[in-house]
Amino acid sequence: MSEAEPVSIRGLTKAFGTGAGRVEALRGLDLTVRPGEFVAIMGTSGSGKSTLLHLLAGLDRPTSGSILLGGTDLAVLSEDERALLRRRRLGLIFQSFHLLDTLSAQENVALPLSIAGVKARAARQRAAGALVRVGLANRRRHRPDQLSGGEQQRVAIARAVVIEPLLLLADEPTGNLDSASATHIMDLLRRLVDERRQALLLVTHDAHHAARADRILRLQDGRLIEPNPANPESKWSSLGLDRAALLVPPIAWGASSTVFAQPSGSLPGEKAPPAGEAA
């Protein structure tokens, strides 16, 4: 994974409507997420979390400001270019799993690779490797209705990471899970960050889950607030949580030396992928 900053936001604003009906959803946001960093964003309903996620995913354009994803500014891209960038550089994890019922776990994970033009054999190998990483090697042929909720979310995480994204965006990923399954999912996300240097941006209402992050930001009235950024340990006291009780020991990911090739197609200013990696 490149050591370039996965995402850098500067002066980001988003407004809806005009005149007296104008609503400023985001007001001058600045944010950088670095490789191997886990950032959690909390906020009440209406604080702007959904708007921010839509902008980061390239589903909408900001009113002003920039969103650099691996050095590429989403704000100046066309809709098609944003879709290509989203497919190649972003891993999306939702509260709902969004798995296709008729496909096996491995086929669901391989789907974004197939859409990107990766050859079928290579896509299957990469999908199998991603399922090893989330502890589902022995469930790869099962369909979603044969998996528990926690297992389905692990398949969704494997699907998100199989493209080796610059940034993982996780929107309430434990919202449909029981407490035990939710804890396992948060363990997995934390290990992705620690062991694979995956950049992760999590949106959650759960303070215990947010406390797993390296930084916690609050979105309030369209502005990001970081409690005492000069002292990283302040996040624990600000949430009233016991730091030691939430630490998770590292584990081995299992044997998987799959090389993750880049999907086909190129973005403005980007070199085309090596020949032979796309269908």
C-alpha atoms as a PDB file:
ATOM      1  CA  MET A   1       0.000   0.000   0.000  1.00  0.00           C
ATOM      2  CA  SER A   2       1.320   3.443  -0.869  1.00  0.00           C
ATOM      3  CA  GLU A   3       2.522   5.657   1.975  1.00  0.00           C
ATOM      4  CA  ALA A   4       0.755   8.639   0.407  1.00  0.00           C
ATOM      5  CA  GLU A   5      -1.945  10.115   2.636  1.00  0.00           C
ATOM      6  CA  PRO A   6      -5.109   8.117   1.894  1.00  0.00           C
ATOM      7  CA  VAL A   7      -7.332  11.138   2.405  1.00  0.00           C
ATOM      8  CA  SER A   8      -6.744  14.825   3.031  1.00  0.00           C
ATOM      9  CA  ILE A   9      -9.670  17.244   3.373  1.00  0.00           C
ATOM     10  CA  ARG A  10      -9.186  21.011   3.377  1.00  0.00           C
ATOM     11  CA  GLY A  11     -11.815  23.718   3.833  1.00  0.00           C
ATOM     12  CA  LEU A  12     -14.651  21.334   2.987  1.00  0.00           C
ATOM     13  CA  THR A  13     -18.124  22.837   2.876  1.00  0.00           C
ATOM     14  CA  LYS A  14     -21.480  21.537   1.676  1.00  0.00           C
ATOM     15  CA  ALA A  15     -24.649  23.564   1.503  1.00  0.00           C
ATOM     16  CA  PHE A  16     -28.131  22.672   0.324  1.00  0.00           C
ATOM     17  CA  GLY A  17     -30.774  25.049  -0.979  1.00  0.00           C
ATOM     18  CA  THR A  18     -30.568  28.784  -1.629  1.00  0.00           C
ATOM     19  CA  GLY A  19     -31.599  32.026  -0.017  1.00  0.00           C
ATOM     20  CA  ALA A  20     -33.525  31.790   3.221  1.00  0.00           C
ATOM     21  CA  GLY A  21     -33.767  28.010   2.832  1.00  0.00           C
ATOM     22  CA  ARG A  22     -30.013  27.479   2.552  1.00  0.00           C
ATOM     23  CA  VAL A  23     -28.641  24.865   4.972  1.00  0.00           C
ATOM     24  CA  GLU A  24     -24.904  24.549   5.640  1.00  0.00           C
ATOM     25  CA  ALA A  25     -24.374  20.872   6.395  1.00  0.00           C
ATOM     26  CA  LEU A  26     -20.564  21.068   6.565  1.00  0.00           C
ATOM     27  CA  ARG A  27     -18.621  24.190   7.490  1.00  0.00           C
ATOM     28  CA  GLY A  28     -14.943  24.283   6.625  1.00  0.00           C
ATOM     29  CA  LEU A  29     -13.783  20.774   7.590  1.00  0.00           C
ATOM     30  CA  ASP A  30     -10.082  19.881   7.708  1.00  0.00           C
ATOM     31  CA  LEU A  31      -9.068  16.247   8.161  1.00  0.00           C
ATOM     32  CA  THR A  32      -6.151  13.974   7.270  1.00  0.00           C
ATOM     33  CA  VAL A  33      -6.130  10.188   7.649  1.00  0.00           C
ATOM     34  CA  ARG A  34      -2.704   8.586   7.321  1.00  0.00           C
ATOM     35  CA  PRO A  35      -1.681   5.019   6.396  1.00  0.00           C
ATOM     36  CA  GLY A  36      -2.269   2.707   9.349  1.00  0.00           C
ATOM     37  CA  GLU A  37      -4.505   5.208  11.158  1.00  0.00           C
ATOM     38  CA  PHE A  38      -7.968   4.490  12.547  1.00  0.00           C
ATOM     39  CA  VAL A  39     -10.164   7.580  12.907  1.00  0.00           C
ATOM     40  CA  ALA A  40     -13.655   7.462  14.408  1.00  0.00           C
ATOM     41  CA  ILE A  41     -16.295  10.135  13.863  1.00  0.00           C
ATOM     42  CA  MET A  42     -19.218  10.487  16.229  1.00  0.00           C
ATOM     43  CA  GLY A  43     -22.158  12.845  16.073  1.00  0.00           C
ATOM     44  CA  THR A  44     -25.876  13.149  16.617  1.00  0.00           C
ATOM     45  CA  SER A  45     -28.425  12.752  13.842  1.00  0.00           C
ATOM     46  CA  GLY A  46     -28.308  15.768  11.568  1.00  0.00           C
ATOM     47  CA  SER A  47     -24.719  16.649  12.468  1.00  0.00           C
ATOM     48  CA  GLY A  48     -23.487  16.055   8.906  1.00  0.00           C
ATOM     49  CA  LYS A  49     -22.081  12.512   9.132  1.00  0.00           C
ATOM     50  CA  SER A  50     -24.025  11.175   6.158  1.00  0.00           C
ATOM     51  CA  THR A  51     -23.141  14.220   4.077  1.00  0.00           C
ATOM     52  CA  LEU A  52     -19.452  13.755   4.861  1.00  0.00           C
ATOM     53  CA  LEU A  53     -19.567  10.057   3.954  1.00  0.00           C
ATOM     54  CA  HIS A  54     -21.302  10.829   0.644  1.00  0.00           C
ATOM     55  CA  LEU A  55     -18.579  13.333  -0.224  1.00  0.00           C
ATOM     56  CA  LEU A  56     -15.741  11.009   0.785  1.00  0.00           C
ATOM     57  CA  ALA A  57     -17.264   8.221  -1.311  1.00  0.00           C
ATOM     58  CA  GLY A  58     -17.509  10.513  -4.323  1.00  0.00           C
ATOM     59  CA  LEU A  59     -21.297  10.285  -4.431  1.00  0.00           C
ATOM     60  CA  ASP A  60     -21.653  14.062  -4.318  1.00  0.00           C
ATOM     61  CA  ARG A  61     -19.519  17.165  -4.853  1.00  0.00           C
ATOM     62  CA  PRO A  62     -18.664  19.700  -2.147  1.00  0.00           C
ATOM     63  CA  THR A  63     -19.780  23.289  -2.351  1.00  0.00           C
ATOM     64  CA  SER A  64     -16.163  24.323  -1.787  1.00  0.00           C
ATOM     65  CA  GLY A  65     -12.897  22.868  -0.554  1.00  0.00           C
ATOM     66  CA  SER A  66     -10.941  19.793  -1.593  1.00  0.00           C
ATOM     67  CA  ILE A  67     -10.990  16.049  -0.913  1.00  0.00           C
ATOM     68  CA  LEU A  68      -7.691  14.474  -1.895  1.00  0.00           C
ATOM     69  CA  LEU A  69      -7.875  10.695  -2.109  1.00  0.00           C
ATOM     70  CA  GLY A  70      -4.347   9.417  -2.702  1.00  0.00           C
ATOM     71  CA  GLY A  71      -3.521  12.851  -4.132  1.00  0.00           C
ATOM     72  CA  THR A  72      -6.519  12.980  -6.516  1.00  0.00           C
ATOM     73  CA  ASP A  73      -9.078  15.713  -5.823  1.00  0.00           C
ATOM     74  CA  LEU A  74     -12.590  14.269  -5.953  1.00  0.00           C
ATOM     75  CA  ALA A  75     -14.040  17.769  -6.197  1.00  0.00           C
ATOM     76  CA  VAL A  76     -12.771  18.274  -9.761  1.00  0.00           C
ATOM     77  CA  LEU A  77     -13.588  14.818 -11.161  1.00  0.00           C
ATOM     78  CA  SER A  78     -16.550  13.965 -13.343  1.00  0.00           C
ATOM     79  CA  GLU A  79     -19.189  11.544 -12.077  1.00  0.00           C
ATOM     80  CA  ASP A  80     -17.664   8.701 -14.114  1.00  0.00           C
ATOM     81  CA  GLU A  81     -14.163   9.476 -12.842  1.00  0.00           C
ATOM     82  CA  ARG A  82     -15.411   9.504  -9.257  1.00  0.00           C
ATOM     83  CA  ALA A  83     -17.063   6.128  -9.825  1.00  0.00           C
ATOM     84  CA  LEU A  84     -13.792   4.679 -11.139  1.00  0.00           C
ATOM     85  CA  LEU A  85     -11.852   6.079  -8.211  1.00  0.00           C
ATOM     86  CA  ARG A  86     -14.427   4.722  -5.757  1.00  0.00           C
ATOM     87  CA  ARG A  87     -14.184   1.274  -7.335  1.00  0.00           C
ATOM     88  CA  ARG A  88     -10.391   1.215  -7.224  1.00  0.00           C
ATOM     89  CA  ARG A  89      -9.365   3.114  -4.095  1.00  0.00           C
ATOM     90  CA  LEU A  90     -12.222   2.966  -1.577  1.00  0.00           C
ATOM     91  CA  GLY A  91     -13.450   0.061   0.498  1.00  0.00           C
ATOM     92  CA  LEU A  92     -17.025   0.586   1.689  1.00  0.00           C
ATOM     93  CA  ILE A  93     -18.561  -1.220   4.683  1.00  0.00           C
ATOM     94  CA  PHE A  94     -22.195  -0.588   5.568  1.00  0.00           C
ATOM     95  CA  GLN A  95     -24.575  -1.393   8.397  1.00  0.00           C
ATOM     96  CA  SER A  96     -26.421  -3.674   5.975  1.00  0.00           C
ATOM     97  CA  PHE A  97     -24.196  -6.270   4.349  1.00  0.00           C
ATOM     98  CA  HIS A  98     -25.388  -5.835   0.735  1.00  0.00           C
ATOM     99  CA  LEU A  99     -24.400  -9.361  -0.290  1.00  0.00           C
ATOM    100  CA  LEU A 100     -25.985 -11.028  -3.309  1.00  0.00           C
ATOM    101  CA  ASP A 101     -28.083 -13.961  -2.088  1.00  0.00           C
ATOM    102  CA  THR A 102     -27.408 -16.152  -5.120  1.00  0.00           C
ATOM    103  CA  LEU A 103     -23.607 -15.890  -4.873  1.00  0.00           C
ATOM    104  CA  SER A 104     -21.256 -17.715  -2.527  1.00  0.00           C
ATOM    105  CA  ALA A 105     -19.067 -15.810  -0.077  1.00  0.00           C
ATOM    106  CA  GLN A 106     -16.113 -16.124  -2.430  1.00  0.00           C
ATOM    107  CA  GLU A 107     -18.148 -14.948  -5.423  1.00  0.00           C
ATOM    108  CA  ASN A 108     -19.434 -11.940  -3.461  1.00  0.00           C
ATOM    109  CA  VAL A 109     -15.884 -10.962  -2.512  1.00  0.00           C
ATOM    110  CA  ALA A 110     -14.658 -11.447  -6.086  1.00  0.00           C
ATOM    111  CA  LEU A 111     -17.460  -9.314  -7.559  1.00  0.00           C
ATOM    112  CA  PRO A 112     -15.704  -5.892  -7.403  1.00  0.00           C
ATOM    113  CA  LEU A 113     -12.646  -7.453  -9.021  1.00  0.00           C
ATOM    114  CA  SER A 114     -14.738  -8.911 -11.833  1.00  0.00           C
ATOM    115  CA  ILE A 115     -16.396  -5.529 -12.400  1.00  0.00           C
ATOM    116  CA  ALA A 116     -12.926  -3.968 -12.558  1.00  0.00           C
ATOM    117  CA  GLY A 117     -11.891  -6.386 -15.298  1.00  0.00           C
ATOM    118  CA  VAL A 118      -9.652  -8.721 -13.309  1.00  0.00           C
ATOM    119  CA  LYS A 119      -9.450 -12.198 -14.868  1.00  0.00           C
ATOM    120  CA  ALA A 120     -11.743 -14.775 -13.275  1.00  0.00           C
ATOM    121  CA  ARG A 121      -8.979 -17.033 -11.937  1.00  0.00           C
ATOM    122  CA  ALA A 122      -7.067 -14.150 -10.382  1.00  0.00           C
ATOM    123  CA  ALA A 123     -10.284 -12.742  -8.879  1.00  0.00           C
ATOM    124  CA  ARG A 124     -11.115 -16.105  -7.284  1.00  0.00           C
ATOM    125  CA  GLN A 125      -7.602 -16.394  -5.809  1.00  0.00           C
ATOM    126  CA  ARG A 126      -7.671 -12.884  -4.402  1.00  0.00           C
ATOM    127  CA  ALA A 127     -11.166 -13.392  -2.967  1.00  0.00           C
ATOM    128  CA  ALA A 128     -10.049 -16.638  -1.295  1.00  0.00           C
ATOM    129  CA  GLY A 129      -7.072 -14.834   0.228  1.00  0.00           C
ATOM    130  CA  ALA A 130      -9.280 -12.050   1.551  1.00  0.00           C
ATOM    131  CA  LEU A 131     -11.600 -14.600   3.176  1.00  0.00           C
ATOM    132  CA  VAL A 132      -8.574 -16.191   4.870  1.00  0.00           C
ATOM    133  CA  ARG A 133      -7.752 -12.774   6.298  1.00  0.00           C
ATOM    134  CA  VAL A 134     -11.179 -12.449   7.907  1.00  0.00           C
ATOM    135  CA  GLY A 135     -11.209 -16.031   9.209  1.00  0.00           C
ATOM    136  CA  LEU A 136     -13.724 -17.483   6.751  1.00  0.00           C
ATOM    137  CA  ALA A 137     -11.581 -19.804   4.634  1.00  0.00           C
ATOM    138  CA  ASN A 138     -13.865 -22.741   5.434  1.00  0.00           C
ATOM    139  CA  ARG A 139     -17.043 -20.808   4.590  1.00  0.00           C
ATOM    140  CA  ARG A 140     -16.093 -19.507   1.155  1.00  0.00           C
ATOM    141  CA  ARG A 141     -18.646 -21.690  -0.710  1.00  0.00           C
ATOM    142  CA  HIS A 142     -21.551 -20.781   1.575  1.00  0.00           C
ATOM    143  CA  ARG A 143     -24.270 -18.394   0.433  1.00  0.00           C
ATOM    144  CA  PRO A 144     -25.341 -15.472   2.657  1.00  0.00           C
ATOM    145  CA  ASP A 145     -28.407 -17.324   3.977  1.00  0.00           C
ATOM    146  CA  GLN A 146     -26.064 -20.032   5.276  1.00  0.00           C
ATOM    147  CA  LEU A 147     -23.986 -17.544   7.279  1.00  0.00           C
ATOM    148  CA  SER A 148     -24.590 -15.753  10.570  1.00  0.00           C
ATOM    149  CA  GLY A 149     -24.878 -11.977  10.688  1.00  0.00           C
ATOM    150  CA  GLY A 150     -21.320 -11.635  11.958  1.00  0.00           C
ATOM    151  CA  GLU A 151     -20.038 -13.914   9.199  1.00  0.00           C
ATOM    152  CA  GLN A 152     -21.915 -11.935   6.567  1.00  0.00           C
ATOM    153  CA  GLN A 153     -20.302  -8.732   7.780  1.00  0.00           C
ATOM    154  CA  ARG A 154     -16.883 -10.395   7.636  1.00  0.00           C
ATOM    155  CA  VAL A 155     -17.612 -11.320   4.010  1.00  0.00           C
ATOM    156  CA  ALA A 156     -18.526  -7.670   3.401  1.00  0.00           C
ATOM    157  CA  ILE A 157     -15.226  -6.581   4.977  1.00  0.00           C
ATOM    158  CA  ALA A 158     -13.317  -9.056   2.802  1.00  0.00           C
ATOM    159  CA  ARG A 159     -15.092  -7.609  -0.244  1.00  0.00           C
ATOM    160  CA  ALA A 160     -14.052  -4.106   0.834  1.00  0.00           C
ATOM    161  CA  VAL A 161     -10.366  -4.949   1.382  1.00  0.00           C
ATOM    162  CA  VAL A 162      -9.840  -7.283  -1.590  1.00  0.00           C
ATOM    163  CA  ILE A 163      -9.050  -4.308  -3.845  1.00  0.00           C
ATOM    164  CA  GLU A 164      -6.332  -3.093  -1.411  1.00  0.00           C
ATOM    165  CA  PRO A 165      -8.088   0.268  -0.909  1.00  0.00           C
ATOM    166  CA  LEU A 166      -6.354   3.440   0.141  1.00  0.00           C
ATOM    167  CA  LEU A 167      -9.151   4.041   2.639  1.00  0.00           C
ATOM    168  CA  LEU A 168     -11.841   1.955   4.315  1.00  0.00           C
ATOM    169  CA  LEU A 169     -15.082   3.824   5.028  1.00  0.00           C
ATOM    170  CA  ALA A 170     -17.195   2.029   7.630  1.00  0.00           C
ATOM    171  CA  ASP A 171     -20.688   3.383   8.287  1.00  0.00           C
ATOM    172  CA  GLU A 172     -22.097   1.882  11.512  1.00  0.00           C
ATOM    173  CA  PRO A 173     -20.727  -1.580  10.549  1.00  0.00           C
ATOM    174  CA  THR A 174     -22.008  -3.234  13.728  1.00  0.00           C
ATOM    175  CA  GLY A 175     -25.490  -1.708  13.722  1.00  0.00           C
ATOM    176  CA  ASN A 176     -27.253  -4.952  12.726  1.00  0.00           C
ATOM    177  CA  LEU A 177     -25.213  -7.287  14.949  1.00  0.00           C
ATOM    178  CA  ASP A 178     -25.497  -8.642  18.482  1.00  0.00           C
ATOM    179  CA  SER A 179     -22.920  -7.445  20.991  1.00  0.00           C
ATOM    180  CA  ALA A 180     -20.620 -10.481  20.674  1.00  0.00           C
ATOM    181  CA  SER A 181     -20.557 -10.329  16.863  1.00  0.00           C
ATOM    182  CA  ALA A 182     -20.073  -6.553  16.998  1.00  0.00           C
ATOM    183  CA  THR A 183     -17.026  -6.996  19.232  1.00  0.00           C
ATOM    184  CA  HIS A 184     -15.540  -9.530  16.801  1.00  0.00           C
ATOM    185  CA  ILE A 185     -16.042  -7.133  13.893  1.00  0.00           C
ATOM    186  CA  MET A 186     -14.347  -4.307  15.774  1.00  0.00           C
ATOM    187  CA  ASP A 187     -11.471  -6.652  16.662  1.00  0.00           C
ATOM    188  CA  LEU A 188     -11.091  -7.445  12.972  1.00  0.00           C
ATOM    189  CA  LEU A 189     -11.134  -3.803  11.878  1.00  0.00           C
ATOM    190  CA  ARG A 190      -8.578  -2.889  14.527  1.00  0.00           C
ATOM    191  CA  ARG A 191      -6.260  -5.665  13.340  1.00  0.00           C
ATOM    192  CA  LEU A 192      -6.599  -4.590   9.731  1.00  0.00           C
ATOM    193  CA  VAL A 193      -5.248  -1.223  10.801  1.00  0.00           C
ATOM    194  CA  ASP A 194      -2.475  -2.576  13.032  1.00  0.00           C
ATOM    195  CA  GLU A 195      -1.222  -5.480  10.942  1.00  0.00           C
ATOM    196  CA  ARG A 196      -1.861  -4.284   7.382  1.00  0.00           C
ATOM    197  CA  ARG A 197      -1.497  -0.510   7.902  1.00  0.00           C
ATOM    198  CA  GLN A 198      -5.006  -0.008   6.558  1.00  0.00           C
ATOM    199  CA  ALA A 199      -6.390   3.523   6.864  1.00  0.00           C
ATOM    200  CA  LEU A 200      -9.885   3.388   8.338  1.00  0.00           C
ATOM    201  CA  LEU A 201     -12.571   6.013   8.889  1.00  0.00           C
ATOM    202  CA  LEU A 202     -15.421   4.763  11.089  1.00  0.00           C
ATOM    203  CA  VAL A 203     -18.746   6.488  11.698  1.00  0.00           C
ATOM    204  CA  THR A 204     -20.460   5.172  14.825  1.00  0.00           C
ATOM    205  CA  HIS A 205     -22.807   6.072  17.677  1.00  0.00           C
ATOM    206  CA  ASP A 206     -21.119   3.556  19.989  1.00  0.00           C
ATOM    207  CA  ALA A 207     -18.515   5.098  22.312  1.00  0.00           C
ATOM    208  CA  HIS A 208     -16.942   1.706  23.072  1.00  0.00           C
ATOM    209  CA  HIS A 209     -16.372   1.076  19.376  1.00  0.00           C
ATOM    210  CA  ALA A 210     -15.081   4.597  18.802  1.00  0.00           C
ATOM    211  CA  ALA A 211     -12.593   4.081  21.627  1.00  0.00           C
ATOM    212  CA  ARG A 212     -10.793   1.470  19.488  1.00  0.00           C
ATOM    213  CA  ALA A 213      -9.718   4.276  17.165  1.00  0.00           C
ATOM    214  CA  ASP A 214      -6.439   6.193  17.268  1.00  0.00           C
ATOM    215  CA  ARG A 215      -8.364   9.463  17.085  1.00  0.00           C
ATOM    216  CA  ILE A 216     -11.966  10.341  17.880  1.00  0.00           C
ATOM    217  CA  LEU A 217     -13.620  13.343  16.267  1.00  0.00           C
ATOM    218  CA  ARG A 218     -17.070  14.744  16.955  1.00  0.00           C
ATOM    219  CA  LEU A 219     -19.097  16.272  14.162  1.00  0.00           C
ATOM    220  CA  GLN A 220     -21.219  19.042  15.605  1.00  0.00           C
ATOM    221  CA  ASP A 221     -23.136  21.683  13.675  1.00  0.00           C
ATOM    222  CA  GLY A 222     -21.150  20.856  10.558  1.00  0.00           C
ATOM    223  CA  ARG A 223     -17.740  21.212  12.233  1.00  0.00           C
ATOM    224  CA  LEU A 224     -15.222  18.601  13.363  1.00  0.00           C
ATOM    225  CA  ILE A 225     -14.123  18.791  16.996  1.00  0.00           C
ATOM    226  CA  GLU A 226     -11.187  16.814  18.415  1.00  0.00           C
ATOM    227  CA  PRO A 227     -10.934  16.708  22.244  1.00  0.00           C
ATOM    228  CA  ASN A 228      -7.458  17.887  23.278  1.00  0.00           C
ATOM    229  CA  PRO A 229      -5.599  16.814  20.103  1.00  0.00           C
ATOM    230  CA  ALA A 230      -2.254  17.500  21.818  1.00  0.00           C
ATOM    231  CA  ASN A 231      -2.909  14.575  24.184  1.00  0.00           C
ATOM    232  CA  PRO A 232      -4.016  11.374  22.359  1.00  0.00           C
ATOM    233  CA  GLU A 233      -4.810   9.669  25.668  1.00  0.00           C
ATOM    234  CA  SER A 234      -7.525  12.239  26.348  1.00  0.00           C
ATOM    235  CA  LYS A 235      -9.956  10.288  24.182  1.00  0.00           C
ATOM    236  CA  TRP A 236     -10.326   7.656  26.902  1.00  0.00           C
ATOM    237  CA  SER A 237     -11.232  10.065  29.677  1.00  0.00           C
ATOM    238  CA  SER A 238     -13.526  12.054  27.368  1.00  0.00           C
ATOM    239  CA  LEU A 239     -15.564   8.885  26.729  1.00  0.00           C
ATOM    240  CA  GLY A 240     -15.378   7.633  30.311  1.00  0.00           C
ATOM    241  CA  LEU A 241     -13.916   4.272  29.231  1.00  0.00           C
ATOM    242  CA  ASP A 242     -11.200   1.965  30.531  1.00  0.00           C
ATOM    243  CA  ARG A 243      -8.388   1.872  27.962  1.00  0.00           C
ATOM    244  CA  ALA A 244      -6.827  -1.396  29.169  1.00  0.00           C
ATOM    245  CA  ALA A 245     -10.119  -3.269  28.972  1.00  0.00           C
ATOM    246  CA  LEU A 246     -10.444  -2.499  25.263  1.00  0.00           C
ATOM    247  CA  LEU A 247      -6.968  -3.486  24.062  1.00  0.00           C
ATOM    248  CA  VAL A 248      -6.931  -6.546  21.772  1.00  0.00           C
ATOM    249  CA  PRO A 249      -3.858  -8.824  21.504  1.00  0.00           C
ATOM    250  CA  PRO A 250      -2.473  -9.316  17.981  1.00  0.00           C
ATOM    251  CA  ILE A 251      -3.151 -12.546  16.147  1.00  0.00           C
ATOM    252  CA  ALA A 252      -1.760 -14.156  13.002  1.00  0.00           C
ATOM    253  CA  TRP A 253      -3.768 -13.583   9.853  1.00  0.00           C
ATOM    254  CA  GLY A 254      -2.997 -17.012   8.431  1.00  0.00           C
ATOM    255  CA  ALA A 255      -1.058 -17.992   5.348  1.00  0.00           C
ATOM    256  CA  SER A 256      -1.982 -15.977   2.285  1.00  0.00           C
ATOM    257  CA  SER A 257       0.623 -14.562  -0.051  1.00  0.00           C
ATOM    258  CA  THR A 258      -1.875 -13.443  -2.697  1.00  0.00           C
ATOM    259  CA  VAL A 259      -0.583 -10.475  -4.681  1.00  0.00           C
ATOM    260  CA  PHE A 260      -3.329  -7.882  -5.055  1.00  0.00           C
ATOM    261  CA  ALA A 261      -3.111  -6.458  -8.574  1.00  0.00           C
ATOM    262  CA  GLN A 262      -4.676  -3.127  -9.466  1.00  0.00           C
ATOM    263  CA  PRO A 263      -7.981  -3.151 -11.393  1.00  0.00           C
ATOM    264  CA  SER A 264      -8.071  -2.021 -15.006  1.00  0.00           C
ATOM    265  CA  GLY A 265      -8.653   1.537 -16.154  1.00  0.00           C
ATOM    266  CA  SER A 266      -6.827   4.668 -15.060  1.00  0.00           C
ATOM    267  CA  LEU A 267      -7.613   7.965 -13.437  1.00  0.00           C
ATOM    268  CA  PRO A 268      -6.362  11.384 -14.589  1.00  0.00           C
ATOM    269  CA  GLY A 269      -2.578  11.556 -14.186  1.00  0.00           C
ATOM    270  CA  GLU A 270      -2.307   7.877 -13.292  1.00  0.00           C
ATOM    271  CA  LYS A 271      -0.334   5.187 -15.122  1.00  0.00           C
ATOM    272  CA  ALA A 272      -2.252   2.303 -16.650  1.00  0.00           C
ATOM    273  CA  PRO A 273      -1.892  -1.063 -14.817  1.00  0.00           C
ATOM    274  CA  PRO A 274       0.653  -3.620 -16.094  1.00  0.00           C
ATOM    275  CA  ALA A 275      -0.452  -5.720 -19.037  1.00  0.00           C
ATOM    276  CA  GLY A 276      -1.994  -9.078 -18.250  1.00  0.00           C
ATOM    277  CA  GLU A 277      -3.776  -8.115 -15.035  1.00  0.00           C
ATOM    278  CA  ALA A 278      -7.098  -7.304 -16.637  1.00  0.00           C
ATOM    279  CA  ALA A 279      -9.348  -9.402 -18.809  1.00  0.00           C
END
